[in-house]
Amino acid sequence: MDPKTNLPERQINDSAARTKLFFDTYGKTPLQFNATEVDATIGFFTGRGFSQEAAQSISMSVLKQAKLENIN
């Protein structure tokens, strides 16, 4: 699930930018979340009036930061 934003997409002018991005993330394990945690956080935000897309975006940001800080 990719977070969606209303910011315009940045144009990449550097021809090696995609290669740099690949090697910057090479060997790092992607963050994984339980489906129940994702559903619960999305439900939390949609229950407080957020649109579905906004709830998904903020939920992924909160879950990523919590995972990086080892907070349940």
C-alpha atoms as a PDB file:
ATOM      1  CA  MET A   1       0.000   0.000   0.000  1.00  0.00           C
ATOM      2  CA  ASP A   2       1.597   3.219  -1.126  1.00  0.00           C
ATOM      3  CA  PRO A   3       0.673   6.364   0.719  1.00  0.00           C
ATOM      4  CA  LYS A   4      -1.046   8.981  -1.414  1.00  0.00           C
ATOM      5  CA  THR A   5      -0.408  12.687  -1.076  1.00  0.00           C
ATOM      6  CA  ASN A   6      -1.711  15.777  -2.746  1.00  0.00           C
ATOM      7  CA  LEU A   7       1.799  17.066  -3.383  1.00  0.00           C
ATOM      8  CA  PRO A   8       2.946  17.254  -6.993  1.00  0.00           C
ATOM      9  CA  GLU A   9       5.306  14.530  -8.144  1.00  0.00           C
ATOM     10  CA  ARG A  10       8.909  15.680  -8.260  1.00  0.00           C
ATOM     11  CA  GLN A  11      10.695  15.248 -11.547  1.00  0.00           C
ATOM     12  CA  ILE A  12      13.989  13.398 -11.253  1.00  0.00           C
ATOM     13  CA  ASN A  13      16.624  15.051 -13.434  1.00  0.00           C
ATOM     14  CA  ASP A  14      19.536  12.926 -12.239  1.00  0.00           C
ATOM     15  CA  SER A  15      19.933   9.918 -14.543  1.00  0.00           C
ATOM     16  CA  ALA A  16      21.463   7.885 -11.704  1.00  0.00           C
ATOM     17  CA  ALA A  17      18.787   8.731  -9.112  1.00  0.00           C
ATOM     18  CA  ARG A  18      16.915   5.437  -9.492  1.00  0.00           C
ATOM     19  CA  THR A  19      20.149   3.466  -9.187  1.00  0.00           C
ATOM     20  CA  LYS A  20      21.134   5.421  -6.075  1.00  0.00           C
ATOM     21  CA  LEU A  21      17.730   4.768  -4.538  1.00  0.00           C
ATOM     22  CA  PHE A  22      18.056   1.055  -5.273  1.00  0.00           C
ATOM     23  CA  PHE A  23      21.454   0.761  -3.626  1.00  0.00           C
ATOM     24  CA  ASP A  24      20.476   2.980  -0.686  1.00  0.00           C
ATOM     25  CA  THR A  25      17.736   0.485   0.190  1.00  0.00           C
ATOM     26  CA  TYR A  26      19.596  -2.672  -0.877  1.00  0.00           C
ATOM     27  CA  GLY A  27      19.906  -5.194   1.926  1.00  0.00           C
ATOM     28  CA  LYS A  28      17.442  -3.433   4.186  1.00  0.00           C
ATOM     29  CA  THR A  29      14.421  -5.478   5.101  1.00  0.00           C
ATOM     30  CA  PRO A  30      11.105  -3.804   4.317  1.00  0.00           C
ATOM     31  CA  LEU A  31       8.827  -2.985   7.206  1.00  0.00           C
ATOM     32  CA  GLN A  32       5.962  -5.437   7.618  1.00  0.00           C
ATOM     33  CA  PHE A  33       2.799  -4.950   9.631  1.00  0.00           C
ATOM     34  CA  ASN A  34       0.009  -7.241  10.776  1.00  0.00           C
ATOM     35  CA  ALA A  35      -3.188  -6.766   8.815  1.00  0.00           C
ATOM     36  CA  THR A  36      -5.073  -6.246  12.074  1.00  0.00           C
ATOM     37  CA  GLU A  37      -2.762  -3.379  13.075  1.00  0.00           C
ATOM     38  CA  VAL A  38      -3.220  -1.696   9.702  1.00  0.00           C
ATOM     39  CA  ASP A  39      -7.003  -2.150   9.776  1.00  0.00           C
ATOM     40  CA  ALA A  40      -7.192  -0.882  13.352  1.00  0.00           C
ATOM     41  CA  THR A  41      -5.222   2.279  12.652  1.00  0.00           C
ATOM     42  CA  ILE A  42      -7.145   3.006   9.457  1.00  0.00           C
ATOM     43  CA  GLY A  43     -10.397   2.424  11.352  1.00  0.00           C
ATOM     44  CA  PHE A  44      -9.231   4.755  14.108  1.00  0.00           C
ATOM     45  CA  PHE A  45      -8.701   7.630  11.691  1.00  0.00           C
ATOM     46  CA  THR A  46     -11.783   7.006   9.530  1.00  0.00           C
ATOM     47  CA  GLY A  47     -13.858   6.925  12.710  1.00  0.00           C
ATOM     48  CA  ARG A  48     -12.660  10.435  13.448  1.00  0.00           C
ATOM     49  CA  GLY A  49     -13.724  11.893  10.119  1.00  0.00           C
ATOM     50  CA  PHE A  50     -10.663  11.289   7.931  1.00  0.00           C
ATOM     51  CA  SER A  51     -11.256  10.230   4.333  1.00  0.00           C
ATOM     52  CA  GLN A  52     -10.154   6.705   3.414  1.00  0.00           C
ATOM     53  CA  GLU A  53      -7.054   7.901   1.532  1.00  0.00           C
ATOM     54  CA  ALA A  54      -6.023  10.277   4.319  1.00  0.00           C
ATOM     55  CA  ALA A  55      -6.541   7.548   6.914  1.00  0.00           C
ATOM     56  CA  GLN A  56      -4.358   5.132   4.922  1.00  0.00           C
ATOM     57  CA  SER A  57      -1.604   7.691   4.486  1.00  0.00           C
ATOM     58  CA  ILE A  58      -1.423   8.794   8.108  1.00  0.00           C
ATOM     59  CA  SER A  59      -1.783   5.211   9.346  1.00  0.00           C
ATOM     60  CA  MET A  60       1.226   4.055   7.364  1.00  0.00           C
ATOM     61  CA  SER A  61       3.264   7.010   8.619  1.00  0.00           C
ATOM     62  CA  VAL A  62       2.330   6.295  12.233  1.00  0.00           C
ATOM     63  CA  LEU A  63       2.978   2.545  11.883  1.00  0.00           C
ATOM     64  CA  LYS A  64       6.361   3.082  10.212  1.00  0.00           C
ATOM     65  CA  GLN A  65       7.514   5.479  12.919  1.00  0.00           C
ATOM     66  CA  ALA A  66       6.265   3.185  15.684  1.00  0.00           C
ATOM     67  CA  LYS A  67       8.117   0.244  14.120  1.00  0.00           C
ATOM     68  CA  LEU A  68      11.343   2.254  13.809  1.00  0.00           C
ATOM     69  CA  GLU A  69      11.106   3.297  17.477  1.00  0.00           C
ATOM     70  CA  ASN A  70      10.146  -0.227  18.640  1.00  0.00           C
ATOM     71  CA  ILE A  71       6.826   0.969  20.062  1.00  0.00           C
ATOM     72  CA  ASN A  72       3.874  -1.403  20.036  1.00  0.00           C
END
